[in-house]
Amino acid sequence: MGWYRQAPGKERELVAVITSGGNTNYADSVK
């Protein structure tokens, strides 16, 4: 499961993801 975001005039980008086991990954901008 994950969160993505899209600002006006920009492409949709990944914010953070998490697996069913709890492993996570974040975009550098939100770490």
PDB file of all heavy atoms in Angstrom:
ATOM      1  N   MET A   1       0.858  -1.174   0.000  1.00  0.00           N
ATOM      2  CA  MET A   1       0.000   0.000   0.000  1.00  0.00           C
ATOM      3  C   MET A   1       0.897   1.227   0.000  1.00  0.00           C
ATOM      4  O   MET A   1       2.019   1.181   0.509  1.00  0.00           O
ATOM      5  CB  MET A   1      -0.916   0.040   1.222  1.00  0.00           C
ATOM      6  CG  MET A   1      -1.844  -1.146   1.348  1.00  0.00           C
ATOM      7  SD  MET A   1      -3.043  -0.953   2.707  1.00  0.00           S
ATOM      8  CE  MET A   1      -4.216   0.188   1.960  1.00  0.00           C
ATOM      9  N   GLY A   2       0.393   2.315  -0.567  1.00  0.00           N
ATOM     10  CA  GLY A   2       1.228   3.504  -0.621  1.00  0.00           C
ATOM     11  C   GLY A   2       0.443   4.785  -0.760  1.00  0.00           C
ATOM     12  O   GLY A   2      -0.759   4.778  -1.057  1.00  0.00           O
ATOM     13  N   TRP A   3       1.142   5.876  -0.508  1.00  0.00           N
ATOM     14  CA  TRP A   3       0.612   7.217  -0.712  1.00  0.00           C
ATOM     15  C   TRP A   3       1.363   7.887  -1.845  1.00  0.00           C
ATOM     16  O   TRP A   3       2.600   7.838  -1.897  1.00  0.00           O
ATOM     17  CB  TRP A   3       0.746   8.069   0.548  1.00  0.00           C
ATOM     18  CG  TRP A   3      -0.154   7.660   1.671  1.00  0.00           C
ATOM     19  CD1 TRP A   3       0.162   6.894   2.744  1.00  0.00           C
ATOM     20  CD2 TRP A   3      -1.534   8.019   1.818  1.00  0.00           C
ATOM     21  NE1 TRP A   3      -0.924   6.744   3.562  1.00  0.00           N
ATOM     22  CE2 TRP A   3      -1.977   7.418   3.022  1.00  0.00           C
ATOM     23  CE3 TRP A   3      -2.423   8.773   1.063  1.00  0.00           C
ATOM     24  CZ2 TRP A   3      -3.294   7.565   3.482  1.00  0.00           C
ATOM     25  CZ3 TRP A   3      -3.726   8.915   1.518  1.00  0.00           C
ATOM     26  CH2 TRP A   3      -4.150   8.313   2.712  1.00  0.00           C
ATOM     27  N   TYR A   4       0.626   8.500  -2.756  1.00  0.00           N
ATOM     28  CA  TYR A   4       1.170   9.296  -3.838  1.00  0.00           C
ATOM     29  C   TYR A   4       0.565  10.687  -3.755  1.00  0.00           C
ATOM     30  O   TYR A   4      -0.466  10.888  -3.121  1.00  0.00           O
ATOM     31  CB  TYR A   4       0.856   8.672  -5.195  1.00  0.00           C
ATOM     32  CG  TYR A   4       1.567   7.360  -5.460  1.00  0.00           C
ATOM     33  CD1 TYR A   4       1.203   6.195  -4.804  1.00  0.00           C
ATOM     34  CD2 TYR A   4       2.615   7.293  -6.386  1.00  0.00           C
ATOM     35  CE1 TYR A   4       1.854   4.995  -5.047  1.00  0.00           C
ATOM     36  CE2 TYR A   4       3.268   6.096  -6.638  1.00  0.00           C
ATOM     37  CZ  TYR A   4       2.879   4.957  -5.966  1.00  0.00           C
ATOM     38  OH  TYR A   4       3.534   3.769  -6.222  1.00  0.00           O
ATOM     39  N   ARG A   5       1.201  11.661  -4.397  1.00  0.00           N
ATOM     40  CA  ARG A   5       0.645  13.003  -4.415  1.00  0.00           C
ATOM     41  C   ARG A   5       0.896  13.657  -5.765  1.00  0.00           C
ATOM     42  O   ARG A   5       1.831  13.312  -6.479  1.00  0.00           O
ATOM     43  CB  ARG A   5       1.223  13.862  -3.290  1.00  0.00           C
ATOM     44  CG  ARG A   5       2.709  14.188  -3.428  1.00  0.00           C
ATOM     45  CD  ARG A   5       3.209  14.917  -2.189  1.00  0.00           C
ATOM     46  NE  ARG A   5       4.606  15.292  -2.293  1.00  0.00           N
ATOM     47  CZ  ARG A   5       5.321  15.820  -1.306  1.00  0.00           C
ATOM     48  NH1 ARG A   5       4.763  16.043  -0.121  1.00  0.00           N
ATOM     49  NH2 ARG A   5       6.600  16.136  -1.499  1.00  0.00           N
ATOM     50  N   GLN A   6       0.030  14.609  -6.098  1.00  0.00           N
ATOM     51  CA  GLN A   6       0.146  15.342  -7.347  1.00  0.00           C
ATOM     52  C   GLN A   6      -0.206  16.802  -7.120  1.00  0.00           C
ATOM     53  O   GLN A   6      -1.316  17.119  -6.699  1.00  0.00           O
ATOM     54  CB  GLN A   6      -0.761  14.740  -8.422  1.00  0.00           C
ATOM     55  CG  GLN A   6      -0.569  15.353  -9.791  1.00  0.00           C
ATOM     56  CD  GLN A   6      -1.267  14.562 -10.876  1.00  0.00           C
ATOM     57  OE1 GLN A   6      -2.202  13.808 -10.604  1.00  0.00           O
ATOM     58  NE2 GLN A   6      -0.817  14.724 -12.100  1.00  0.00           N
ATOM     59  N   ALA A   7       0.744  17.669  -7.385  1.00  0.00           N
ATOM     60  CA  ALA A   7       0.546  19.104  -7.300  1.00  0.00           C
ATOM     61  C   ALA A   7       0.201  19.646  -8.681  1.00  0.00           C
ATOM     62  O   ALA A   7       0.534  19.032  -9.701  1.00  0.00           O
ATOM     63  CB  ALA A   7       1.799  19.783  -6.760  1.00  0.00           C
ATOM     64  N   PRO A   8      -0.463  20.810  -8.752  1.00  0.00           N
ATOM     65  CA  PRO A   8      -0.813  21.386 -10.055  1.00  0.00           C
ATOM     66  C   PRO A   8       0.408  21.569 -10.944  1.00  0.00           C
ATOM     67  O   PRO A   8       1.428  22.103 -10.513  1.00  0.00           O
ATOM     68  CB  PRO A   8      -1.431  22.738  -9.682  1.00  0.00           C
ATOM     69  CG  PRO A   8      -1.978  22.529  -8.312  1.00  0.00           C
ATOM     70  CD  PRO A   8      -0.986  21.616  -7.638  1.00  0.00           C
ATOM     71  N   GLY A   9       0.312  21.107 -12.183  1.00  0.00           N
ATOM     72  CA  GLY A   9       1.395  21.240 -13.135  1.00  0.00           C
ATOM     73  C   GLY A   9       2.513  20.234 -12.982  1.00  0.00           C
ATOM     74  O   GLY A   9       3.502  20.309 -13.711  1.00  0.00           O
ATOM     75  N   LYS A  10       2.384  19.302 -12.048  1.00  0.00           N
ATOM     76  CA  LYS A  10       3.417  18.306 -11.818  1.00  0.00           C
ATOM     77  C   LYS A  10       2.876  16.893 -12.001  1.00  0.00           C
ATOM     78  O   LYS A  10       1.670  16.670 -11.959  1.00  0.00           O
ATOM     79  CB  LYS A  10       4.007  18.451 -10.411  1.00  0.00           C
ATOM     80  CG  LYS A  10       4.744  19.752 -10.161  1.00  0.00           C
ATOM     81  CD  LYS A  10       5.398  19.747  -8.790  1.00  0.00           C
ATOM     82  CE  LYS A  10       6.209  21.006  -8.550  1.00  0.00           C
ATOM     83  NZ  LYS A  10       6.869  20.991  -7.215  1.00  0.00           N
ATOM     84  N   GLU A  11       3.787  15.957 -12.206  1.00  0.00           N
ATOM     85  CA  GLU A  11       3.412  14.556 -12.315  1.00  0.00           C
ATOM     86  C   GLU A  11       3.159  13.965 -10.934  1.00  0.00           C
ATOM     87  O   GLU A  11       3.669  14.452  -9.923  1.00  0.00           O
ATOM     88  CB  GLU A  11       4.515  13.768 -13.019  1.00  0.00           C
ATOM     89  CG  GLU A  11       4.766  14.178 -14.459  1.00  0.00           C
ATOM     90  CD  GLU A  11       3.594  13.867 -15.353  1.00  0.00           C
ATOM     91  OE1 GLU A  11       2.997  12.776 -15.196  1.00  0.00           O
ATOM     92  OE2 GLU A  11       3.261  14.700 -16.206  1.00  0.00           O
ATOM     93  N   ARG A  12       2.358  12.913 -10.906  1.00  0.00           N
ATOM     94  CA  ARG A  12       2.115  12.216  -9.655  1.00  0.00           C
ATOM     95  C   ARG A  12       3.414  11.561  -9.182  1.00  0.00           C
ATOM     96  O   ARG A  12       4.125  10.941  -9.971  1.00  0.00           O
ATOM     97  CB  ARG A  12       1.023  11.165  -9.834  1.00  0.00           C
ATOM     98  CG  ARG A  12       0.601  10.477  -8.548  1.00  0.00           C
ATOM     99  CD  ARG A  12      -0.570   9.530  -8.771  1.00  0.00           C
ATOM    100  NE  ARG A  12      -1.744  10.236  -9.264  1.00  0.00           N
ATOM    101  CZ  ARG A  12      -2.943   9.674  -9.412  1.00  0.00           C
ATOM    102  NH1 ARG A  12      -3.119   8.404  -9.087  1.00  0.00           N
ATOM    103  NH2 ARG A  12      -3.947  10.389  -9.876  1.00  0.00           N
ATOM    104  N   GLU A  13       3.721  11.688  -7.896  1.00  0.00           N
ATOM    105  CA  GLU A  13       4.947  11.147  -7.352  1.00  0.00           C
ATOM    106  C   GLU A  13       4.674  10.298  -6.122  1.00  0.00           C
ATOM    107  O   GLU A  13       3.702  10.515  -5.398  1.00  0.00           O
ATOM    108  CB  GLU A  13       5.921  12.271  -6.984  1.00  0.00           C
ATOM    109  CG  GLU A  13       5.434  13.170  -5.864  1.00  0.00           C
ATOM    110  CD  GLU A  13       6.469  14.195  -5.422  1.00  0.00           C
ATOM    111  OE1 GLU A  13       7.632  14.099  -5.862  1.00  0.00           O
ATOM    112  OE2 GLU A  13       6.119  15.099  -4.638  1.00  0.00           O
ATOM    113  N   LEU A  14       5.542   9.338  -5.899  1.00  0.00           N
ATOM    114  CA  LEU A  14       5.433   8.478  -4.734  1.00  0.00           C
ATOM    115  C   LEU A  14       5.852   9.241  -3.487  1.00  0.00           C
ATOM    116  O   LEU A  14       6.879   9.923  -3.476  1.00  0.00           O
ATOM    117  CB  LEU A  14       6.291   7.223  -4.906  1.00  0.00           C
ATOM    118  CG  LEU A  14       6.207   6.164  -3.808  1.00  0.00           C
ATOM    119  CD1 LEU A  14       6.376   4.771  -4.409  1.00  0.00           C
ATOM    120  CD2 LEU A  14       7.273   6.388  -2.745  1.00  0.00           C
ATOM    121  N   VAL A  15       5.059   9.117  -2.424  1.00  0.00           N
ATOM    122  CA  VAL A  15       5.375   9.706  -1.135  1.00  0.00           C
ATOM    123  C   VAL A  15       5.970   8.658  -0.205  1.00  0.00           C
ATOM    124  O   VAL A  15       7.047   8.846   0.359  1.00  0.00           O
ATOM    125  CB  VAL A  15       4.133  10.338  -0.484  1.00  0.00           C
ATOM    126  CG1 VAL A  15       4.470  10.873   0.910  1.00  0.00           C
ATOM    127  CG2 VAL A  15       3.576  11.445  -1.366  1.00  0.00           C
ATOM    128  N   ALA A  16       5.266   7.543  -0.039  1.00  0.00           N
ATOM    129  CA  ALA A  16       5.722   6.468   0.834  1.00  0.00           C
ATOM    130  C   ALA A  16       4.975   5.191   0.504  1.00  0.00           C
ATOM    131  O   ALA A  16       3.828   5.232   0.056  1.00  0.00           O
ATOM    132  CB  ALA A  16       5.521   6.834   2.306  1.00  0.00           C
ATOM    133  N   VAL A  17       5.621   4.051   0.722  1.00  0.00           N
ATOM    134  CA  VAL A  17       5.001   2.747   0.523  1.00  0.00           C
ATOM    135  C   VAL A  17       5.279   1.874   1.731  1.00  0.00           C
ATOM    136  O   VAL A  17       6.259   2.074   2.450  1.00  0.00           O
ATOM    137  CB  VAL A  17       5.493   2.040  -0.763  1.00  0.00           C
ATOM    138  CG1 VAL A  17       5.048   2.804  -1.995  1.00  0.00           C
ATOM    139  CG2 VAL A  17       7.002   1.884  -0.736  1.00  0.00           C
ATOM    140  N   ILE A  18       4.413   0.874   1.929  1.00  0.00           N
ATOM    141  CA  ILE A  18       4.572  -0.060   3.026  1.00  0.00           C
ATOM    142  C   ILE A  18       4.051  -1.422   2.596  1.00  0.00           C
ATOM    143  O   ILE A  18       3.002  -1.533   1.966  1.00  0.00           O
ATOM    144  CB  ILE A  18       3.855   0.440   4.301  1.00  0.00           C
ATOM    145  CG1 ILE A  18       4.107  -0.501   5.478  1.00  0.00           C
ATOM    146  CG2 ILE A  18       2.362   0.628   4.051  1.00  0.00           C
ATOM    147  CD1 ILE A  18       3.644   0.071   6.817  1.00  0.00           C
ATOM    148  N   THR A  19       4.788  -2.475   2.919  1.00  0.00           N
ATOM    149  CA  THR A  19       4.376  -3.833   2.591  1.00  0.00           C
ATOM    150  C   THR A  19       3.498  -4.397   3.702  1.00  0.00           C
ATOM    151  O   THR A  19       3.347  -3.806   4.771  1.00  0.00           O
ATOM    152  CB  THR A  19       5.590  -4.743   2.391  1.00  0.00           C
ATOM    153  OG1 THR A  19       6.256  -4.928   3.649  1.00  0.00           O
ATOM    154  CG2 THR A  19       6.560  -4.148   1.380  1.00  0.00           C
ATOM    155  N   SER A  20       2.913  -5.563   3.438  1.00  0.00           N
ATOM    156  CA  SER A  20       2.076  -6.200   4.448  1.00  0.00           C
ATOM    157  C   SER A  20       2.876  -6.582   5.685  1.00  0.00           C
ATOM    158  O   SER A  20       2.311  -6.704   6.769  1.00  0.00           O
ATOM    159  CB  SER A  20       1.396  -7.445   3.871  1.00  0.00           C
ATOM    160  OG  SER A  20       2.347  -8.400   3.435  1.00  0.00           O
ATOM    161  N   GLY A  21       4.186  -6.762   5.524  1.00  0.00           N
ATOM    162  CA  GLY A  21       5.053  -7.090   6.634  1.00  0.00           C
ATOM    163  C   GLY A  21       5.579  -5.889   7.396  1.00  0.00           C
ATOM    164  O   GLY A  21       6.283  -6.047   8.394  1.00  0.00           O
ATOM    165  N   GLY A  22       5.264  -4.679   6.917  1.00  0.00           N
ATOM    166  CA  GLY A  22       5.658  -3.479   7.625  1.00  0.00           C
ATOM    167  C   GLY A  22       6.922  -2.806   7.129  1.00  0.00           C
ATOM    168  O   GLY A  22       7.367  -1.817   7.730  1.00  0.00           O
ATOM    169  N   ASN A  23       7.519  -3.307   6.063  1.00  0.00           N
ATOM    170  CA  ASN A  23       8.681  -2.640   5.487  1.00  0.00           C
ATOM    171  C   ASN A  23       8.253  -1.367   4.774  1.00  0.00           C
ATOM    172  O   ASN A  23       7.252  -1.355   4.057  1.00  0.00           O
ATOM    173  CB  ASN A  23       9.405  -3.568   4.519  1.00  0.00           C
ATOM    174  CG  ASN A  23      10.003  -4.766   5.216  1.00  0.00           C
ATOM    175  OD1 ASN A  23      10.562  -4.663   6.296  1.00  0.00           O
ATOM    176  ND2 ASN A  23       9.885  -5.941   4.589  1.00  0.00           N
ATOM    177  N   THR A  24       9.016  -0.292   4.949  1.00  0.00           N
ATOM    178  CA  THR A  24       8.640   1.020   4.418  1.00  0.00           C
ATOM    179  C   THR A  24       9.718   1.615   3.539  1.00  0.00           C
ATOM    180  O   THR A  24      10.899   1.268   3.630  1.00  0.00           O
ATOM    181  CB  THR A  24       8.335   2.004   5.550  1.00  0.00           C
ATOM    182  OG1 THR A  24       9.502   2.173   6.366  1.00  0.00           O
ATOM    183  CG2 THR A  24       7.189   1.498   6.415  1.00  0.00           C
ATOM    184  N   ASN A  25       9.287   2.555   2.690  1.00  0.00           N
ATOM    185  CA  ASN A  25      10.188   3.328   1.856  1.00  0.00           C
ATOM    186  C   ASN A  25       9.574   4.706   1.664  1.00  0.00           C
ATOM    187  O   ASN A  25       8.363   4.821   1.448  1.00  0.00           O
ATOM    188  CB  ASN A  25      10.414   2.649   0.507  1.00  0.00           C
ATOM    189  CG  ASN A  25      11.510   3.315  -0.298  1.00  0.00           C
ATOM    190  OD1 ASN A  25      12.478   3.812   0.254  1.00  0.00           O
ATOM    191  ND2 ASN A  25      11.361   3.314  -1.620  1.00  0.00           N
ATOM    192  N   TYR A  26      10.406   5.750   1.741  1.00  0.00           N
ATOM    193  CA  TYR A  26       9.937   7.126   1.654  1.00  0.00           C
ATOM    194  C   TYR A  26      10.658   7.896   0.570  1.00  0.00           C
ATOM    195  O   TYR A  26      11.832   7.647   0.282  1.00  0.00           O
ATOM    196  CB  TYR A  26      10.165   7.864   2.977  1.00  0.00           C
ATOM    197  CG  TYR A  26       9.404   7.316   4.155  1.00  0.00           C
ATOM    198  CD1 TYR A  26       9.944   6.312   4.947  1.00  0.00           C
ATOM    199  CD2 TYR A  26       8.153   7.814   4.490  1.00  0.00           C
ATOM    200  CE1 TYR A  26       9.254   5.810   6.037  1.00  0.00           C
ATOM    201  CE2 TYR A  26       7.456   7.323   5.580  1.00  0.00           C
ATOM    202  CZ  TYR A  26       8.011   6.324   6.352  1.00  0.00           C
ATOM    203  OH  TYR A  26       7.326   5.833   7.438  1.00  0.00           O
ATOM    204  N   ALA A  27       9.953   8.861  -0.008  1.00  0.00           N
ATOM    205  CA  ALA A  27      10.610   9.821  -0.878  1.00  0.00           C
ATOM    206  C   ALA A  27      11.576  10.663  -0.055  1.00  0.00           C
ATOM    207  O   ALA A  27      11.311  10.957   1.122  1.00  0.00           O
ATOM    208  CB  ALA A  27       9.581  10.722  -1.553  1.00  0.00           C
ATOM    209  N   ASP A  28      12.697  11.049  -0.655  1.00  0.00           N
ATOM    210  CA  ASP A  28      13.691  11.829   0.073  1.00  0.00           C
ATOM    211  C   ASP A  28      13.108  13.127   0.633  1.00  0.00           C
ATOM    212  O   ASP A  28      13.507  13.580   1.709  1.00  0.00           O
ATOM    213  CB  ASP A  28      14.876  12.149  -0.830  1.00  0.00           C
ATOM    214  CG  ASP A  28      15.726  10.935  -1.139  1.00  0.00           C
ATOM    215  OD1 ASP A  28      15.651   9.940  -0.390  1.00  0.00           O
ATOM    216  OD2 ASP A  28      16.477  10.979  -2.129  1.00  0.00           O
ATOM    217  N   SER A  29      12.156  13.711  -0.061  1.00  0.00           N
ATOM    218  CA  SER A  29      11.596  14.989   0.337  1.00  0.00           C
ATOM    219  C   SER A  29      10.759  14.931   1.619  1.00  0.00           C
ATOM    220  O   SER A  29      10.495  15.967   2.225  1.00  0.00           O
ATOM    221  CB  SER A  29      10.747  15.573  -0.792  1.00  0.00           C
ATOM    222  OG  SER A  29       9.680  14.704  -1.117  1.00  0.00           O
ATOM    223  N   VAL A  30      10.346  13.726   2.035  1.00  0.00           N
ATOM    224  CA  VAL A  30       9.499  13.605   3.218  1.00  0.00           C
ATOM    225  C   VAL A  30      10.142  12.800   4.335  1.00  0.00           C
ATOM    226  O   VAL A  30       9.553  12.684   5.417  1.00  0.00           O
ATOM    227  CB  VAL A  30       8.126  12.989   2.872  1.00  0.00           C
ATOM    228  CG1 VAL A  30       7.461  13.761   1.747  1.00  0.00           C
ATOM    229  CG2 VAL A  30       8.265  11.514   2.510  1.00  0.00           C
ATOM    230  N   LYS A  31      11.322  12.268   4.115  1.00  0.00           N
ATOM    231  CA  LYS A  31      11.995  11.474   5.140  1.00  0.00           C
ATOM    232  C   LYS A  31      12.215  12.301   6.403  1.00  0.00           C
ATOM    233  O   LYS A  31      12.658  13.440   6.340  1.00  0.00           O
ATOM    234  CB  LYS A  31      13.333  10.950   4.622  1.00  0.00           C
ATOM    235  CG  LYS A  31      13.213   9.804   3.634  1.00  0.00           C
ATOM    236  CD  LYS A  31      14.584   9.305   3.192  1.00  0.00           C
ATOM    237  CE  LYS A  31      14.461   8.138   2.238  1.00  0.00           C
ATOM    238  NZ  LYS A  31      15.786   7.670   1.749  1.00  0.00           N
TER     239      LYS A  31
END
